[in-house]
Amino acid sequence: MNITKRLYTYPVLSEERDDYTDSVFDADVQYKMNGVNNLLFDFDIEMDNKELQKMILEGDAEYVIHIECANTSYRTTIHDISNHVSKEIPIGRINGRIEIIVLIVTKKDVNHFVNSNWDDDYQGLSFELSKGSILAYKNIPAIDIVKNYEEFNSASSIFKVYKRLTTEPKPMEVELSTAQIGIGLGLEEYEIYSRFCDKEEFQPILNSMMVFPALVYVFEELKQENGIENYAGTNWYISLSKAYEKRGVDLENEMLYSDKTSVQLAQEAMELPLNAALRKFADLFETDEEEEDV
């Protein structure tokens, strides 16, 4: 929600405006993965206008940071008086283009708003501001969050679903000795899977039914004595390890030295697949019910 060409009835501090002289309002944003599931944003705000600083210190105004991802409809707002602010966001809540704006906003009604650094056009004037008025803003260039762990979310990446040559009902099997993690299904189960695997709306459900339990088994095997040594040379293990490395996490340490169970590790790796599957169930069946009621 960047501010563009908005008109104000009072002076506003921004690099895009000339209402102030000899005053700076700027913000630097850095971000990095914090563990497996969270993206950490660090904001450093630069603001040298003494009268605006005084308003913040006296509780008349505050810094407000608005973060928005249109692709996922995620929005969050940070309120602070410090010019160094951190915010942790679950990586599953955002995807693609992130828009951020940093503001100074009044916390209460302000009477006789004046500032000695206004442009000459405003000298000798004062303004009455209501609570929530924008005093300064900085549009942050859009950030593209590219996820580097598609390996976990699709059965076509490090996972390969294959057909078992048996007509008898048998449990799903998981094969780890090949380049991809194999998920074996009986003939009937495979035929059903093949009809729905290319339909995007069913991916969260299929992932929770097949990829998730297979990944739990993978972590269980890797935790065994010599488990990592046995599979370290496979393509799927290398991909898995690199995916964790891109998040700033060492896969071996995460498995062997944390207190997380294989079920927890698999859920984190796939960004809570059961949650996604249940939401998809709700979307599908609630839509059907609404259509029947019409």
Protein backbone atom coordinates (compact mmCIF):
# COMPACT_ATOMS: atom_id res chain seq x y z
CA MET A 1 0.00 0.00 0.00
CA ASN A 2 2.55 2.60 -1.10
CA ILE A 3 1.58 6.27 -0.90
CA THR A 4 1.51 7.88 -4.33
CA LYS A 5 0.26 11.34 -5.27
CA ARG A 6 -1.76 11.75 -2.08
CA LEU A 7 -2.70 15.31 -1.17
CA TYR A 8 -2.39 16.62 2.38
CA THR A 9 -3.74 19.80 3.95
CA TYR A 10 -0.62 20.14 6.09
CA PRO A 11 3.16 19.56 5.62
CA VAL A 12 4.40 15.95 5.49
CA LEU A 13 8.03 14.84 5.69
CA SER A 14 9.05 12.59 2.80
CA GLU A 15 11.82 12.42 0.20
CA GLU A 16 9.01 12.60 -2.37
CA ARG A 17 7.81 16.00 -1.09
CA ASP A 18 9.31 19.44 -0.53
CA ASP A 19 7.30 20.46 2.55
CA TYR A 20 10.39 20.32 4.79
CA THR A 21 13.92 21.67 4.43
CA ASP A 22 17.03 20.17 6.04
CA SER A 23 15.11 17.18 7.44
CA VAL A 24 15.51 13.49 6.66
CA PHE A 25 13.11 10.60 7.06
CA ASP A 26 14.46 7.32 5.68
CA ALA A 27 14.37 3.61 6.47
CA ASP A 28 16.60 0.67 5.64
CA VAL A 29 15.13 -2.84 5.61
CA GLN A 30 17.08 -6.08 5.88
CA TYR A 31 15.58 -9.55 6.02
CA LYS A 32 16.80 -13.10 6.51
CA MET A 33 15.51 -16.51 7.48
CA ASN A 34 15.34 -17.04 11.25
CA GLY A 35 15.25 -20.79 11.73
CA VAL A 36 13.20 -22.93 9.39
CA ASN A 37 9.81 -21.25 9.42
CA ASN A 38 10.23 -17.52 10.01
CA LEU A 39 11.46 -14.54 8.04
CA LEU A 40 13.02 -11.83 10.20
CA PHE A 41 12.75 -8.19 9.10
CA ASP A 42 15.07 -5.58 10.64
CA PHE A 43 14.20 -1.90 10.19
CA ASP A 44 16.63 0.97 10.80
CA ILE A 45 14.79 4.28 10.70
CA GLU A 46 16.64 7.57 10.20
CA MET A 47 14.83 10.74 11.25
CA ASP A 48 16.66 13.92 12.27
CA ASN A 49 13.82 16.40 12.75
CA LYS A 50 14.02 17.36 16.44
CA GLU A 51 10.42 18.51 16.78
CA LEU A 52 9.03 15.27 15.33
CA GLN A 53 11.42 13.33 17.57
CA LYS A 54 10.04 15.24 20.55
CA MET A 55 6.47 14.35 19.55
CA ILE A 56 7.43 10.66 19.49
CA LEU A 57 9.20 10.80 22.87
CA GLU A 58 6.28 12.63 24.47
CA GLY A 59 3.76 10.08 23.19
CA ASP A 60 2.06 12.32 20.64
CA ALA A 61 3.29 10.27 17.65
CA GLU A 62 4.88 6.91 16.83
CA TYR A 63 6.57 4.97 14.06
CA VAL A 64 4.17 2.71 12.16
CA ILE A 65 5.37 0.02 9.73
CA HIS A 66 2.81 -1.61 7.45
CA ILE A 67 3.75 -4.88 5.72
CA GLU A 68 1.48 -6.37 3.08
CA CYS A 69 1.57 -9.35 0.71
CA ALA A 70 -1.17 -9.13 -1.92
CA ASN A 71 -0.61 -12.72 -3.09
CA THR A 72 -1.58 -14.18 0.29
CA SER A 73 -3.67 -11.26 1.65
CA TYR A 74 -1.30 -11.10 4.62
CA ARG A 75 -1.13 -7.75 6.42
CA THR A 76 0.51 -6.68 9.64
CA THR A 77 1.22 -3.35 11.30
CA ILE A 78 4.02 -2.58 13.77
CA HIS A 79 3.77 0.31 16.25
CA ASP A 80 6.96 1.46 17.99
CA ILE A 81 8.85 4.51 19.24
CA SER A 82 12.30 3.03 18.60
CA ASN A 83 14.10 3.66 15.32
CA HIS A 84 15.41 0.07 15.38
CA VAL A 85 12.54 -2.39 14.91
CA SER A 86 12.44 -6.14 14.25
CA LYS A 87 9.50 -8.24 13.10
CA GLU A 88 9.33 -11.99 12.62
CA ILE A 89 6.82 -13.30 10.05
CA PRO A 90 5.95 -16.97 9.41
CA ILE A 91 7.30 -17.74 5.94
CA GLY A 92 4.14 -19.63 5.11
CA ARG A 93 2.09 -16.42 5.40
CA ILE A 94 3.89 -14.63 2.57
CA ASN A 95 4.87 -15.41 -1.00
CA GLY A 96 6.13 -13.22 -3.80
CA ARG A 97 5.84 -9.42 -3.76
CA ILE A 98 5.96 -7.70 -0.35
CA GLU A 99 5.08 -4.02 -0.01
CA ILE A 100 6.25 -2.05 3.02
CA ILE A 101 5.70 1.53 4.08
CA VAL A 102 7.25 3.22 7.14
CA LEU A 103 5.34 6.13 8.69
CA ILE A 104 5.20 8.57 11.54
CA VAL A 105 1.60 8.83 12.71
CA THR A 106 -0.07 10.89 15.43
CA LYS A 107 -1.33 8.91 18.44
CA LYS A 108 -3.77 11.60 19.54
CA ASP A 109 -5.29 14.85 18.36
CA VAL A 110 -2.60 17.51 18.01
CA ASN A 111 -3.36 21.21 18.40
CA HIS A 112 -1.24 23.96 16.82
CA PHE A 113 1.10 21.65 14.90
CA VAL A 114 4.16 23.65 13.84
CA ASN A 115 7.72 22.85 12.80
CA SER A 116 10.74 25.13 12.34
CA ASN A 117 11.97 23.11 9.32
CA TRP A 118 8.95 23.68 7.14
CA ASP A 119 9.38 25.24 3.74
CA ASP A 120 8.91 29.00 3.63
CA ASP A 121 5.39 28.53 2.22
CA TYR A 122 4.26 27.19 5.62
CA GLN A 123 6.10 29.56 7.93
CA GLY A 124 3.78 31.34 10.36
CA LEU A 125 1.05 28.71 9.99
CA SER A 126 -0.17 26.04 12.40
CA PHE A 127 -2.45 23.04 11.86
CA GLU A 128 -4.96 21.04 13.85
CA LEU A 129 -4.35 17.31 13.36
CA SER A 130 -6.60 14.41 14.30
CA LYS A 131 -5.43 11.10 15.71
CA GLY A 132 -3.94 8.88 12.97
CA SER A 133 -2.64 11.74 10.81
CA ILE A 134 0.47 10.89 8.78
CA LEU A 135 3.42 13.16 9.65
CA ALA A 136 6.07 11.39 7.54
CA TYR A 137 6.34 8.42 5.20
CA LYS A 138 8.86 6.33 3.32
CA ASN A 139 7.84 3.95 0.54
CA ILE A 140 10.13 0.93 0.66
CA PRO A 141 10.91 -0.61 -2.75
CA ALA A 142 8.91 -3.81 -3.21
CA ILE A 143 10.62 -6.98 -2.00
CA ASP A 144 10.21 -10.28 -3.85
CA ILE A 145 10.31 -13.22 -1.46
CA VAL A 146 11.41 -16.22 -3.49
CA LYS A 147 10.94 -19.45 -1.60
CA ASN A 148 13.72 -21.95 -2.04
CA TYR A 149 12.07 -25.02 -0.66
CA GLU A 150 9.60 -26.21 -3.26
CA GLU A 151 11.24 -29.61 -2.74
CA PHE A 152 8.94 -30.23 0.23
CA ASN A 153 5.67 -29.14 -1.27
CA SER A 154 5.32 -31.25 -4.37
CA ALA A 155 5.44 -34.97 -5.04
CA SER A 156 7.18 -34.21 -8.35
CA SER A 157 10.43 -32.81 -6.94
CA ILE A 158 12.45 -34.90 -4.49
CA PHE A 159 9.48 -37.29 -4.31
CA LYS A 160 8.40 -39.71 -7.00
CA VAL A 161 5.07 -41.51 -6.86
CA TYR A 162 5.13 -44.88 -8.58
CA LYS A 163 2.73 -47.73 -9.23
CA ARG A 164 3.22 -51.01 -7.38
CA LEU A 165 2.41 -54.06 -9.44
CA THR A 166 -0.11 -55.54 -7.07
CA THR A 167 -3.89 -55.59 -7.03
CA GLU A 168 -4.03 -56.51 -3.36
CA PRO A 169 -4.64 -53.75 -0.82
CA LYS A 170 -1.25 -53.00 0.71
CA PRO A 171 0.17 -50.13 2.76
CA MET A 172 1.94 -47.30 0.97
CA GLU A 173 5.68 -47.96 0.79
CA VAL A 174 8.57 -45.48 0.87
CA GLU A 175 11.80 -46.17 -1.03
CA LEU A 176 14.92 -44.22 -0.07
CA SER A 177 17.68 -45.93 -2.07
CA THR A 178 16.88 -44.12 -5.33
CA ALA A 179 17.64 -40.58 -6.55
CA GLN A 180 14.17 -39.43 -5.49
CA ILE A 181 12.19 -40.53 -2.47
CA GLY A 182 9.82 -43.11 -3.88
CA ILE A 183 6.20 -43.35 -2.74
CA GLY A 184 4.69 -46.64 -3.88
CA LEU A 185 0.93 -47.05 -4.31
CA GLY A 186 -1.16 -50.05 -5.28
CA LEU A 187 -2.82 -50.11 -8.72
CA GLU A 188 -6.20 -48.82 -7.56
CA GLU A 189 -4.71 -46.13 -5.31
CA TYR A 190 -2.32 -45.03 -8.05
CA GLU A 191 -5.13 -44.70 -10.60
CA ILE A 192 -7.08 -42.46 -8.22
CA TYR A 193 -3.96 -40.43 -7.45
CA SER A 194 -3.15 -39.95 -11.15
CA ARG A 195 -6.61 -38.47 -11.78
CA PHE A 196 -6.15 -35.73 -9.20
CA CYS A 197 -2.41 -35.10 -8.90
CA ASP A 198 -2.36 -32.40 -11.62
CA LYS A 199 -5.28 -30.47 -10.13
CA GLU A 200 -3.86 -27.60 -8.10
CA GLU A 201 -6.80 -27.41 -5.71
CA PHE A 202 -6.11 -30.95 -4.47
CA GLN A 203 -2.35 -30.55 -3.92
CA PRO A 204 -2.53 -29.64 -0.20
CA ILE A 205 -4.74 -32.67 0.48
CA LEU A 206 -2.55 -35.10 -1.47
CA ASN A 207 0.60 -33.69 0.13
CA SER A 208 -0.77 -34.23 3.63
CA MET A 209 -1.91 -37.77 2.76
CA MET A 210 1.27 -38.94 1.01
CA VAL A 211 4.26 -36.60 1.11
CA PHE A 212 3.90 -35.72 4.79
CA PRO A 213 3.92 -39.32 6.14
CA ALA A 214 6.71 -40.18 3.72
CA LEU A 215 8.80 -37.29 5.04
CA VAL A 216 8.15 -38.38 8.63
CA TYR A 217 9.57 -41.79 7.67
CA VAL A 218 12.56 -40.08 6.01
CA PHE A 219 13.42 -38.16 9.19
CA GLU A 220 13.00 -41.31 11.28
CA GLU A 221 15.46 -43.18 9.06
CA LEU A 222 17.97 -40.32 9.07
CA LYS A 223 17.89 -40.18 12.86
CA GLN A 224 18.95 -43.82 13.13
CA GLU A 225 22.57 -44.79 13.73
CA ASN A 226 24.48 -44.27 10.46
CA GLY A 227 21.24 -42.98 8.90
CA ILE A 228 22.76 -39.81 7.49
CA GLU A 229 25.85 -41.68 6.33
CA ASN A 230 23.68 -44.21 4.50
CA TYR A 231 21.79 -41.61 2.47
CA ALA A 232 24.13 -38.60 2.32
CA GLY A 233 25.09 -39.37 -1.28
CA THR A 234 21.55 -39.54 -2.66
CA ASN A 235 20.18 -36.70 -4.75
CA TRP A 236 17.17 -36.28 -2.47
CA TYR A 237 19.33 -35.88 0.64
CA ILE A 238 21.56 -33.33 -1.08
CA SER A 239 18.48 -31.33 -2.17
CA LEU A 240 17.00 -31.58 1.33
CA SER A 241 20.24 -30.41 2.92
CA LYS A 242 20.61 -27.48 0.49
CA ALA A 243 17.02 -26.40 1.09
CA TYR A 244 17.72 -26.19 4.83
CA GLU A 245 21.03 -24.44 4.19
CA LYS A 246 19.21 -21.71 2.23
CA ARG A 247 17.16 -21.09 5.36
CA GLY A 248 20.26 -20.75 7.49
CA VAL A 249 19.72 -24.11 9.20
CA ASP A 250 22.02 -27.14 9.30
CA LEU A 251 19.92 -30.21 8.54
CA GLU A 252 22.08 -32.61 10.55
CA ASN A 253 22.05 -30.42 13.65
CA GLU A 254 18.29 -29.90 13.33
CA MET A 255 17.67 -33.64 13.30
CA LEU A 256 20.23 -34.92 15.77
CA TYR A 257 20.62 -32.14 18.32
CA SER A 258 17.21 -30.52 18.60
CA ASP A 259 14.37 -31.96 20.68
CA LYS A 260 11.99 -31.98 17.71
CA THR A 261 10.27 -35.20 16.74
CA SER A 262 10.17 -36.45 13.16
CA VAL A 263 6.52 -35.44 13.00
CA GLN A 264 7.40 -31.88 14.02
CA LEU A 265 10.31 -31.71 11.57
CA ALA A 266 8.16 -32.91 8.69
CA GLN A 267 5.40 -30.42 9.49
CA GLU A 268 7.87 -27.55 9.70
CA ALA A 269 9.62 -28.58 6.49
CA MET A 270 6.31 -28.59 4.62
CA GLU A 271 4.95 -25.45 6.31
CA LEU A 272 2.23 -27.17 8.32
CA PRO A 273 0.66 -29.33 5.58
CA LEU A 274 -2.26 -30.51 7.73
CA ASN A 275 -3.33 -26.91 8.27
CA ALA A 276 -3.22 -26.27 4.53
CA ALA A 277 -5.15 -29.47 3.79
CA LEU A 278 -7.87 -28.70 6.31
CA ARG A 279 -8.27 -25.18 4.97
CA LYS A 280 -8.61 -26.64 1.48
CA PHE A 281 -11.23 -29.10 2.72
CA ALA A 282 -13.18 -26.18 4.17
CA ASP A 283 -12.88 -24.19 0.93
CA LEU A 284 -14.06 -27.11 -1.22
CA PHE A 285 -16.95 -28.34 0.89
CA GLU A 286 -18.22 -24.97 2.08
CA THR A 287 -18.35 -23.85 -1.54
CA ASP A 288 -20.34 -26.97 -2.47
CA GLU A 289 -22.79 -26.36 0.38
CA GLU A 290 -23.30 -22.75 -0.64
CA GLU A 291 -24.06 -23.82 -4.24
CA GLU A 292 -26.61 -26.36 -3.01
CA ASP A 293 -28.34 -23.71 -0.91
CA VAL A 294 -28.77 -21.38 -3.88
